[in-house]
Amino acid sequence: MEHAIQISGLKKSYGKTEVLKGLSFHVEKGEIFGILGVNGAGKTTVLECIEGFRKYEHGKITINGKAGIQLQSASLPAYIKPMEAIRLFTKWKNTAIDTSLLAALGINELKSKKYMELSTGQKRRLHLAIALTGNPDILFLDEPTAGLDIEGRISLHNQIRQLKEQGTTIILASHDMTEVETLCDRIAILNSGNIAFIGTTDELASKIGKKYQIKVLTESGEDNYTADNIGDTMLAILENYRSKSINVLDIKVNRGTLEQHFVDIAKGDFL
């Protein structure tokens, strides 16, 4: 598959602190690619270097196509109206207004409101509409659902899926592991300026193990266990209770999620 973005040997420092230590990876055309990392891992710096907002010392970044960017902390003048903002950006990009896109994002419903009167979800939809002005090939989304209610998150996720179906390449930065597992084709997890993992979430699950969470309720209270092999572990747990004549009242087994393991993964504990 042809690459939408190619990163080679990317290095960036702030003073004497090296934040990016020679990152190399690619994003394929038409995929949703997640960039993850705990605070200080270099996630925001990577995005800003790719987007052209920040200079870097070494490496090469190649972008094949037009880019649209939805920043996490984007804002507009308080008294500007949504359609005024849309007209401003379409004029700036020398393109026509996409009425079908505005309808899909519900921008037409906001015509009479000023920017300062919009809810968080309405602002997010407006920012996305602006980012999509000119029909970009590549879309950068930085924490796109932060501050949204459940209805707003579902609506935006559906819009992201539709964009992927239309062939748009999407770079998604998010702290929401459920969002990442639901939307992303591949992910890159950063650890101290390096890539700790890159691949699909299924490949990650295979690499770190299933990590089952087991809760056993007895007459004495609740005991918690963690296991990779559910069968052998359960047999050992039950045999231990039987040998001690402890009556088991209930057992609950849950498979660990990417969110439960994310901090350990980002720190490199599983890799």
C-alpha atoms as a PDB file:
ATOM      1  CA  MET A   1       0.000   0.000   0.000  1.00  0.00           C
ATOM      2  CA  GLU A   2       1.292   3.487  -0.858  1.00  0.00           C
ATOM      3  CA  HIS A   3       2.452   5.634   2.055  1.00  0.00           C
ATOM      4  CA  ALA A   4       0.637   8.859   2.933  1.00  0.00           C
ATOM      5  CA  ILE A   5       3.354   9.895   5.388  1.00  0.00           C
ATOM      6  CA  GLN A   6       6.942   8.706   5.685  1.00  0.00           C
ATOM      7  CA  ILE A   7       9.062   9.600   8.744  1.00  0.00           C
ATOM      8  CA  SER A   8      12.784   8.800   8.777  1.00  0.00           C
ATOM      9  CA  GLY A   9      15.275   9.435  11.614  1.00  0.00           C
ATOM     10  CA  LEU A  10      13.253  12.248  13.210  1.00  0.00           C
ATOM     11  CA  LYS A  11      15.090  13.992  16.036  1.00  0.00           C
ATOM     12  CA  LYS A  12      13.996  16.986  18.100  1.00  0.00           C
ATOM     13  CA  SER A  13      15.500  18.570  21.200  1.00  0.00           C
ATOM     14  CA  TYR A  14      14.471  21.347  23.570  1.00  0.00           C
ATOM     15  CA  GLY A  15      17.740  22.749  24.819  1.00  0.00           C
ATOM     16  CA  LYS A  16      19.786  19.790  26.082  1.00  0.00           C
ATOM     17  CA  THR A  17      16.736  17.524  26.361  1.00  0.00           C
ATOM     18  CA  GLU A  18      16.303  15.181  23.396  1.00  0.00           C
ATOM     19  CA  VAL A  19      12.553  14.656  23.005  1.00  0.00           C
ATOM     20  CA  LEU A  20      12.525  12.617  19.771  1.00  0.00           C
ATOM     21  CA  LYS A  21      15.399  10.172  19.329  1.00  0.00           C
ATOM     22  CA  GLY A  22      15.397   9.214  15.670  1.00  0.00           C
ATOM     23  CA  LEU A  23      11.842   8.055  14.989  1.00  0.00           C
ATOM     24  CA  SER A  24      11.143   6.178  11.766  1.00  0.00           C
ATOM     25  CA  PHE A  25       7.690   4.973  10.700  1.00  0.00           C
ATOM     26  CA  HIS A  26       5.112   5.381   7.957  1.00  0.00           C
ATOM     27  CA  VAL A  27       1.362   5.878   7.661  1.00  0.00           C
ATOM     28  CA  GLU A  28      -0.389   4.051   4.837  1.00  0.00           C
ATOM     29  CA  LYS A  29      -2.921   5.764   2.594  1.00  0.00           C
ATOM     30  CA  GLY A  30      -6.490   5.316   3.749  1.00  0.00           C
ATOM     31  CA  GLU A  31      -5.745   4.020   7.245  1.00  0.00           C
ATOM     32  CA  ILE A  32      -6.564   5.444  10.672  1.00  0.00           C
ATOM     33  CA  PHE A  33      -3.242   5.626  12.498  1.00  0.00           C
ATOM     34  CA  GLY A  34      -3.115   6.290  16.247  1.00  0.00           C
ATOM     35  CA  ILE A  35      -0.204   8.038  17.979  1.00  0.00           C
ATOM     36  CA  LEU A  36      -0.200   7.340  21.715  1.00  0.00           C
ATOM     37  CA  GLY A  37       2.007   8.151  24.659  1.00  0.00           C
ATOM     38  CA  VAL A  38       1.944   9.228  28.270  1.00  0.00           C
ATOM     39  CA  ASN A  39       2.724  12.872  29.077  1.00  0.00           C
ATOM     40  CA  GLY A  40       6.292  13.683  28.078  1.00  0.00           C
ATOM     41  CA  ALA A  41       6.624  10.756  25.654  1.00  0.00           C
ATOM     42  CA  GLY A  42       6.901  13.093  22.636  1.00  0.00           C
ATOM     43  CA  LYS A  43       3.456  12.549  21.095  1.00  0.00           C
ATOM     44  CA  THR A  44       2.550  16.223  20.669  1.00  0.00           C
ATOM     45  CA  THR A  45       6.032  17.059  19.380  1.00  0.00           C
ATOM     46  CA  VAL A  46       5.774  14.361  16.698  1.00  0.00           C
ATOM     47  CA  LEU A  47       2.426  15.730  15.547  1.00  0.00           C
ATOM     48  CA  GLU A  48       3.648  19.323  15.472  1.00  0.00           C
ATOM     49  CA  CYS A  49       6.739  18.350  13.461  1.00  0.00           C
ATOM     50  CA  ILE A  50       4.641  16.452  10.901  1.00  0.00           C
ATOM     51  CA  GLU A  51       2.074  19.258  10.701  1.00  0.00           C
ATOM     52  CA  GLY A  52       4.821  21.837  10.162  1.00  0.00           C
ATOM     53  CA  PHE A  53       4.230  23.788  13.369  1.00  0.00           C
ATOM     54  CA  ARG A  54       7.591  22.902  14.895  1.00  0.00           C
ATOM     55  CA  LYS A  55      11.112  22.727  13.479  1.00  0.00           C
ATOM     56  CA  TYR A  56      13.248  19.622  13.999  1.00  0.00           C
ATOM     57  CA  GLU A  57      17.030  19.142  13.915  1.00  0.00           C
ATOM     58  CA  HIS A  58      17.415  15.880  12.005  1.00  0.00           C
ATOM     59  CA  GLY A  59      15.407  13.512   9.857  1.00  0.00           C
ATOM     60  CA  LYS A  60      13.017  13.644   6.954  1.00  0.00           C
ATOM     61  CA  ILE A  61       9.228  13.934   6.754  1.00  0.00           C
ATOM     62  CA  THR A  62       7.422  13.243   3.482  1.00  0.00           C
ATOM     63  CA  ILE A  63       3.686  13.957   3.137  1.00  0.00           C
ATOM     64  CA  ASN A  64       1.878  12.759   0.025  1.00  0.00           C
ATOM     65  CA  GLY A  65      -1.291  14.818  -0.262  1.00  0.00           C
ATOM     66  CA  LYS A  66      -3.146  17.821   1.149  1.00  0.00           C
ATOM     67  CA  ALA A  67      -3.487  17.981   4.932  1.00  0.00           C
ATOM     68  CA  GLY A  68      -6.270  19.206   7.198  1.00  0.00           C
ATOM     69  CA  ILE A  69      -5.642  19.785  10.899  1.00  0.00           C
ATOM     70  CA  GLN A  70      -7.975  19.802  13.892  1.00  0.00           C
ATOM     71  CA  LEU A  71      -6.010  21.035  16.884  1.00  0.00           C
ATOM     72  CA  GLN A  72      -6.937  20.057  20.429  1.00  0.00           C
ATOM     73  CA  SER A  73      -6.814  23.651  21.687  1.00  0.00           C
ATOM     74  CA  ALA A  74      -8.147  25.407  18.573  1.00  0.00           C
ATOM     75  CA  SER A  75     -10.230  28.527  19.058  1.00  0.00           C
ATOM     76  CA  LEU A  76     -11.898  31.233  16.993  1.00  0.00           C
ATOM     77  CA  PRO A  77     -12.898  34.860  17.706  1.00  0.00           C
ATOM     78  CA  ALA A  78     -15.712  34.963  20.269  1.00  0.00           C
ATOM     79  CA  TYR A  79     -18.212  36.843  18.087  1.00  0.00           C
ATOM     80  CA  ILE A  80     -17.614  35.094  14.766  1.00  0.00           C
ATOM     81  CA  LYS A  81     -20.489  32.954  13.486  1.00  0.00           C
ATOM     82  CA  PRO A  82     -19.892  29.407  12.206  1.00  0.00           C
ATOM     83  CA  MET A  83     -20.731  30.190   8.574  1.00  0.00           C
ATOM     84  CA  GLU A  84     -18.525  33.291   8.702  1.00  0.00           C
ATOM     85  CA  ALA A  85     -15.655  31.070   9.837  1.00  0.00           C
ATOM     86  CA  ILE A  86     -16.387  28.532   7.086  1.00  0.00           C
ATOM     87  CA  ARG A  87     -16.451  31.260   4.405  1.00  0.00           C
ATOM     88  CA  LEU A  88     -13.190  32.694   5.767  1.00  0.00           C
ATOM     89  CA  PHE A  89     -11.331  29.392   5.518  1.00  0.00           C
ATOM     90  CA  THR A  90     -12.782  28.409   2.139  1.00  0.00           C
ATOM     91  CA  LYS A  91     -11.671  31.782   0.756  1.00  0.00           C
ATOM     92  CA  TRP A  92      -8.238  31.346   2.323  1.00  0.00           C
ATOM     93  CA  LYS A  93      -7.890  27.864   0.778  1.00  0.00           C
ATOM     94  CA  ASN A  94      -9.454  29.037  -2.498  1.00  0.00           C
ATOM     95  CA  THR A  95     -12.097  26.316  -2.507  1.00  0.00           C
ATOM     96  CA  ALA A  96     -15.885  26.019  -2.579  1.00  0.00           C
ATOM     97  CA  ILE A  97     -18.107  25.426   0.456  1.00  0.00           C
ATOM     98  CA  ASP A  98     -19.072  21.757   0.765  1.00  0.00           C
ATOM     99  CA  THR A  99     -22.759  21.985   1.698  1.00  0.00           C
ATOM    100  CA  SER A 100     -23.120  18.202   2.114  1.00  0.00           C
ATOM    101  CA  LEU A 101     -20.282  18.172   4.650  1.00  0.00           C
ATOM    102  CA  LEU A 102     -21.813  21.053   6.606  1.00  0.00           C
ATOM    103  CA  ALA A 103     -25.141  19.222   6.667  1.00  0.00           C
ATOM    104  CA  ALA A 104     -23.507  15.993   7.852  1.00  0.00           C
ATOM    105  CA  LEU A 105     -21.754  17.809  10.707  1.00  0.00           C
ATOM    106  CA  GLY A 106     -24.827  19.852  11.649  1.00  0.00           C
ATOM    107  CA  ILE A 107     -23.159  23.207  10.989  1.00  0.00           C
ATOM    108  CA  ASN A 108     -26.275  24.629   9.308  1.00  0.00           C
ATOM    109  CA  GLU A 109     -28.094  24.348  12.637  1.00  0.00           C
ATOM    110  CA  LEU A 110     -25.592  26.773  14.209  1.00  0.00           C
ATOM    111  CA  LYS A 111     -26.017  29.660  11.757  1.00  0.00           C
ATOM    112  CA  SER A 112     -27.508  32.128  14.230  1.00  0.00           C
ATOM    113  CA  LYS A 113     -25.047  31.443  17.067  1.00  0.00           C
ATOM    114  CA  LYS A 114     -21.761  33.175  17.864  1.00  0.00           C
ATOM    115  CA  TYR A 115     -18.679  31.056  18.524  1.00  0.00           C
ATOM    116  CA  MET A 116     -18.712  31.862  22.249  1.00  0.00           C
ATOM    117  CA  GLU A 117     -22.275  30.518  22.480  1.00  0.00           C
ATOM    118  CA  LEU A 118     -21.418  27.084  21.075  1.00  0.00           C
ATOM    119  CA  SER A 119     -21.143  24.006  23.283  1.00  0.00           C
ATOM    120  CA  THR A 120     -17.906  21.989  23.367  1.00  0.00           C
ATOM    121  CA  GLY A 121     -19.390  19.449  20.973  1.00  0.00           C
ATOM    122  CA  GLN A 122     -20.576  22.126  18.557  1.00  0.00           C
ATOM    123  CA  LYS A 123     -17.130  23.737  18.558  1.00  0.00           C
ATOM    124  CA  ARG A 124     -15.527  20.352  17.851  1.00  0.00           C
ATOM    125  CA  ARG A 125     -17.839  19.847  14.863  1.00  0.00           C
ATOM    126  CA  LEU A 126     -17.047  23.324  13.552  1.00  0.00           C
ATOM    127  CA  HIS A 127     -13.292  22.738  13.952  1.00  0.00           C
ATOM    128  CA  LEU A 128     -13.631  19.455  12.053  1.00  0.00           C
ATOM    129  CA  ALA A 129     -15.585  21.170   9.264  1.00  0.00           C
ATOM    130  CA  ILE A 130     -12.817  23.768   8.956  1.00  0.00           C
ATOM    131  CA  ALA A 131     -10.129  21.060   8.935  1.00  0.00           C
ATOM    132  CA  LEU A 132     -11.994  19.292   6.115  1.00  0.00           C
ATOM    133  CA  THR A 133     -12.259  22.449   4.006  1.00  0.00           C
ATOM    134  CA  GLY A 134     -10.785  21.736   0.590  1.00  0.00           C
ATOM    135  CA  ASN A 135     -11.253  17.950   0.911  1.00  0.00           C
ATOM    136  CA  PRO A 136      -7.819  17.061   2.364  1.00  0.00           C
ATOM    137  CA  ASP A 137      -6.194  13.690   1.676  1.00  0.00           C
ATOM    138  CA  ILE A 138      -4.772  13.493   5.214  1.00  0.00           C
ATOM    139  CA  LEU A 139      -6.576  14.589   8.380  1.00  0.00           C
ATOM    140  CA  PHE A 140      -4.881  15.208  11.735  1.00  0.00           C
ATOM    141  CA  LEU A 141      -7.134  14.861  14.799  1.00  0.00           C
ATOM    142  CA  ASP A 142      -5.694  15.751  18.214  1.00  0.00           C
ATOM    143  CA  GLU A 143      -7.973  14.512  21.033  1.00  0.00           C
ATOM    144  CA  PRO A 144     -11.053  15.027  18.793  1.00  0.00           C
ATOM    145  CA  THR A 145     -13.643  13.851  21.344  1.00  0.00           C
ATOM    146  CA  ALA A 146     -12.220  15.505  24.470  1.00  0.00           C
ATOM    147  CA  GLY A 147     -15.045  17.139  26.406  1.00  0.00           C
ATOM    148  CA  LEU A 148     -17.823  15.593  24.306  1.00  0.00           C
ATOM    149  CA  ASP A 149     -20.843  13.796  25.723  1.00  0.00           C
ATOM    150  CA  ILE A 150     -21.690  10.226  24.648  1.00  0.00           C
ATOM    151  CA  GLU A 151     -23.968  11.355  21.801  1.00  0.00           C
ATOM    152  CA  GLY A 152     -21.305  13.725  20.487  1.00  0.00           C
ATOM    153  CA  ARG A 153     -18.606  11.046  20.646  1.00  0.00           C
ATOM    154  CA  ILE A 154     -20.735   8.533  18.754  1.00  0.00           C
ATOM    155  CA  SER A 155     -21.576  11.122  16.092  1.00  0.00           C
ATOM    156  CA  LEU A 156     -17.930  12.122  15.610  1.00  0.00           C
ATOM    157  CA  HIS A 157     -16.768   8.488  15.513  1.00  0.00           C
ATOM    158  CA  ASN A 158     -19.297   7.784  12.758  1.00  0.00           C
ATOM    159  CA  GLN A 159     -18.035  10.785  10.812  1.00  0.00           C
ATOM    160  CA  ILE A 160     -14.434   9.559  11.171  1.00  0.00           C
ATOM    161  CA  ARG A 161     -15.429   6.129   9.840  1.00  0.00           C
ATOM    162  CA  GLN A 162     -17.189   7.723   6.869  1.00  0.00           C
ATOM    163  CA  LEU A 163     -14.075   9.748   6.059  1.00  0.00           C
ATOM    164  CA  LYS A 164     -11.997   6.559   6.116  1.00  0.00           C
ATOM    165  CA  GLU A 165     -14.483   4.870   3.762  1.00  0.00           C
ATOM    166  CA  GLN A 166     -14.017   7.815   1.394  1.00  0.00           C
ATOM    167  CA  GLY A 167     -10.248   7.168   1.368  1.00  0.00           C
ATOM    168  CA  THR A 168      -9.095   9.858   3.810  1.00  0.00           C
ATOM    169  CA  THR A 169      -5.951   9.050   5.802  1.00  0.00           C
ATOM    170  CA  ILE A 170      -6.461   9.939   9.461  1.00  0.00           C
ATOM    171  CA  ILE A 171      -3.799  10.532  12.124  1.00  0.00           C
ATOM    172  CA  LEU A 172      -5.456  10.275  15.521  1.00  0.00           C
ATOM    173  CA  ALA A 173      -3.895  11.329  18.822  1.00  0.00           C
ATOM    174  CA  SER A 174      -5.998  10.278  21.785  1.00  0.00           C
ATOM    175  CA  HIS A 175      -5.774   9.323  25.451  1.00  0.00           C
ATOM    176  CA  ASP A 176      -9.016   7.348  25.132  1.00  0.00           C
ATOM    177  CA  MET A 177      -7.933   3.728  24.708  1.00  0.00           C
ATOM    178  CA  THR A 178     -11.467   2.567  23.871  1.00  0.00           C
ATOM    179  CA  GLU A 179     -11.561   5.139  21.081  1.00  0.00           C
ATOM    180  CA  VAL A 180      -8.201   3.925  19.794  1.00  0.00           C
ATOM    181  CA  GLU A 181      -9.209   0.251  19.839  1.00  0.00           C
ATOM    182  CA  THR A 182     -12.493   1.064  18.092  1.00  0.00           C
ATOM    183  CA  LEU A 183     -11.169   3.317  15.316  1.00  0.00           C
ATOM    184  CA  CYS A 184      -7.494   2.690  14.568  1.00  0.00           C
ATOM    185  CA  ASP A 185      -6.083   0.258  12.010  1.00  0.00           C
ATOM    186  CA  ARG A 186      -2.594   0.600  13.514  1.00  0.00           C
ATOM    187  CA  ILE A 187      -1.063   2.414  16.477  1.00  0.00           C
ATOM    188  CA  ALA A 188       2.351   3.704  17.509  1.00  0.00           C
ATOM    189  CA  ILE A 189       3.094   3.940  21.233  1.00  0.00           C
ATOM    190  CA  LEU A 190       5.871   6.346  22.202  1.00  0.00           C
ATOM    191  CA  ASN A 191       8.169   5.901  25.180  1.00  0.00           C
ATOM    192  CA  SER A 192      10.696   8.631  26.043  1.00  0.00           C
ATOM    193  CA  GLY A 193      11.136   9.734  22.445  1.00  0.00           C
ATOM    194  CA  ASN A 194      11.291   6.230  20.986  1.00  0.00           C
ATOM    195  CA  ILE A 195       8.663   3.956  19.461  1.00  0.00           C
ATOM    196  CA  ALA A 196       7.876   1.264  22.036  1.00  0.00           C
ATOM    197  CA  PHE A 197       5.398  -0.505  19.763  1.00  0.00           C
ATOM    198  CA  ILE A 198       3.890  -0.138  16.295  1.00  0.00           C
ATOM    199  CA  GLY A 199       1.230  -2.382  14.793  1.00  0.00           C
ATOM    200  CA  THR A 200      -2.411  -3.365  15.216  1.00  0.00           C
ATOM    201  CA  THR A 201      -4.155  -3.586  18.591  1.00  0.00           C
ATOM    202  CA  ASP A 202      -4.536  -7.348  18.031  1.00  0.00           C
ATOM    203  CA  GLU A 203      -0.774  -7.642  17.536  1.00  0.00           C
ATOM    204  CA  LEU A 204      -0.268  -5.672  20.728  1.00  0.00           C
ATOM    205  CA  ALA A 205      -2.659  -7.920  22.656  1.00  0.00           C
ATOM    206  CA  SER A 206      -0.771 -10.950  21.358  1.00  0.00           C
ATOM    207  CA  LYS A 207       2.544  -9.409  22.409  1.00  0.00           C
ATOM    208  CA  ILE A 208       1.586  -8.460  25.963  1.00  0.00           C
ATOM    209  CA  GLY A 209      -0.601 -11.487  26.689  1.00  0.00           C
ATOM    210  CA  LYS A 210      -4.266 -11.702  27.581  1.00  0.00           C
ATOM    211  CA  LYS A 211      -3.795 -10.563  31.191  1.00  0.00           C
ATOM    212  CA  TYR A 212      -7.059 -11.867  32.571  1.00  0.00           C
ATOM    213  CA  GLN A 213      -8.415 -10.173  35.700  1.00  0.00           C
ATOM    214  CA  ILE A 214      -9.982 -12.707  38.100  1.00  0.00           C
ATOM    215  CA  LYS A 215     -12.190 -11.770  41.074  1.00  0.00           C
ATOM    216  CA  VAL A 216     -13.156 -14.507  43.530  1.00  0.00           C
ATOM    217  CA  LEU A 217     -15.796 -13.843  46.180  1.00  0.00           C
ATOM    218  CA  THR A 218     -15.695 -16.024  49.278  1.00  0.00           C
ATOM    219  CA  GLU A 219     -17.288 -15.880  52.700  1.00  0.00           C
ATOM    220  CA  SER A 220     -14.186 -14.005  53.873  1.00  0.00           C
ATOM    221  CA  GLY A 221     -14.297 -11.307  51.175  1.00  0.00           C
ATOM    222  CA  GLU A 222     -13.020 -10.704  47.639  1.00  0.00           C
ATOM    223  CA  ASP A 223      -9.654 -11.830  46.260  1.00  0.00           C
ATOM    224  CA  ASN A 224      -8.138 -10.508  43.005  1.00  0.00           C
ATOM    225  CA  TYR A 225      -5.760 -12.305  40.626  1.00  0.00           C
ATOM    226  CA  THR A 226      -4.069 -11.623  37.293  1.00  0.00           C
ATOM    227  CA  ALA A 227      -3.252 -14.372  34.813  1.00  0.00           C
ATOM    228  CA  ASP A 228      -2.018 -15.027  31.277  1.00  0.00           C
ATOM    229  CA  ASN A 229      -3.281 -18.621  31.158  1.00  0.00           C
ATOM    230  CA  ILE A 230      -6.856 -18.608  32.404  1.00  0.00           C
ATOM    231  CA  GLY A 231      -7.325 -22.390  32.510  1.00  0.00           C
ATOM    232  CA  ASP A 232      -4.289 -23.381  34.588  1.00  0.00           C
ATOM    233  CA  THR A 233      -4.678 -20.372  36.880  1.00  0.00           C
ATOM    234  CA  MET A 234      -8.346 -21.054  37.630  1.00  0.00           C
ATOM    235  CA  LEU A 235      -7.623 -24.699  38.446  1.00  0.00           C
ATOM    236  CA  ALA A 236      -4.843 -23.674  40.832  1.00  0.00           C
ATOM    237  CA  ILE A 237      -7.004 -21.010  42.520  1.00  0.00           C
ATOM    238  CA  LEU A 238      -9.952 -23.356  43.053  1.00  0.00           C
ATOM    239  CA  GLU A 239      -7.729 -26.156  44.300  1.00  0.00           C
ATOM    240  CA  ASN A 240      -6.192 -23.748  46.826  1.00  0.00           C
ATOM    241  CA  TYR A 241      -9.616 -22.748  48.152  1.00  0.00           C
ATOM    242  CA  ARG A 242     -10.742 -26.417  48.276  1.00  0.00           C
ATOM    243  CA  SER A 243      -7.656 -27.473  50.224  1.00  0.00           C
ATOM    244  CA  LYS A 244      -8.380 -24.770  52.798  1.00  0.00           C
ATOM    245  CA  SER A 245     -12.088 -25.616  52.933  1.00  0.00           C
ATOM    246  CA  ILE A 246     -13.017 -22.076  51.823  1.00  0.00           C
ATOM    247  CA  ASN A 247     -16.438 -21.802  50.196  1.00  0.00           C
ATOM    248  CA  VAL A 248     -16.369 -19.896  46.836  1.00  0.00           C
ATOM    249  CA  LEU A 249     -19.516 -17.803  46.325  1.00  0.00           C
ATOM    250  CA  ASP A 250     -18.821 -16.155  42.949  1.00  0.00           C
ATOM    251  CA  ILE A 251     -16.136 -15.838  40.269  1.00  0.00           C
ATOM    252  CA  LYS A 252     -15.771 -13.042  37.686  1.00  0.00           C
ATOM    253  CA  VAL A 253     -13.253 -13.123  34.839  1.00  0.00           C
ATOM    254  CA  ASN A 254     -12.458 -10.139  32.609  1.00  0.00           C
ATOM    255  CA  ARG A 255      -9.851  -9.803  29.908  1.00  0.00           C
ATOM    256  CA  GLY A 256      -7.581  -6.811  30.459  1.00  0.00           C
ATOM    257  CA  THR A 257      -8.053  -3.949  28.002  1.00  0.00           C
ATOM    258  CA  LEU A 258      -5.503  -1.795  26.242  1.00  0.00           C
ATOM    259  CA  GLU A 259      -6.417   0.992  28.659  1.00  0.00           C
ATOM    260  CA  GLN A 260      -5.594  -1.146  31.697  1.00  0.00           C
ATOM    261  CA  HIS A 261      -2.149  -1.927  30.326  1.00  0.00           C
ATOM    262  CA  PHE A 262      -1.365   1.327  28.529  1.00  0.00           C
ATOM    263  CA  VAL A 263       0.917   2.909  31.128  1.00  0.00           C
ATOM    264  CA  ASP A 264       2.986  -0.270  31.453  1.00  0.00           C
ATOM    265  CA  ILE A 265       3.166  -0.605  27.664  1.00  0.00           C
ATOM    266  CA  ALA A 266       4.271   3.010  27.229  1.00  0.00           C
ATOM    267  CA  LYS A 267       6.967   2.508  29.868  1.00  0.00           C
ATOM    268  CA  GLY A 268       8.200  -0.563  28.020  1.00  0.00           C
ATOM    269  CA  ASP A 269       7.381  -3.079  30.747  1.00  0.00           C
ATOM    270  CA  PHE A 270       5.810  -5.557  28.306  1.00  0.00           C
ATOM    271  CA  LEU A 271       7.999  -4.882  25.274  1.00  0.00           C
END
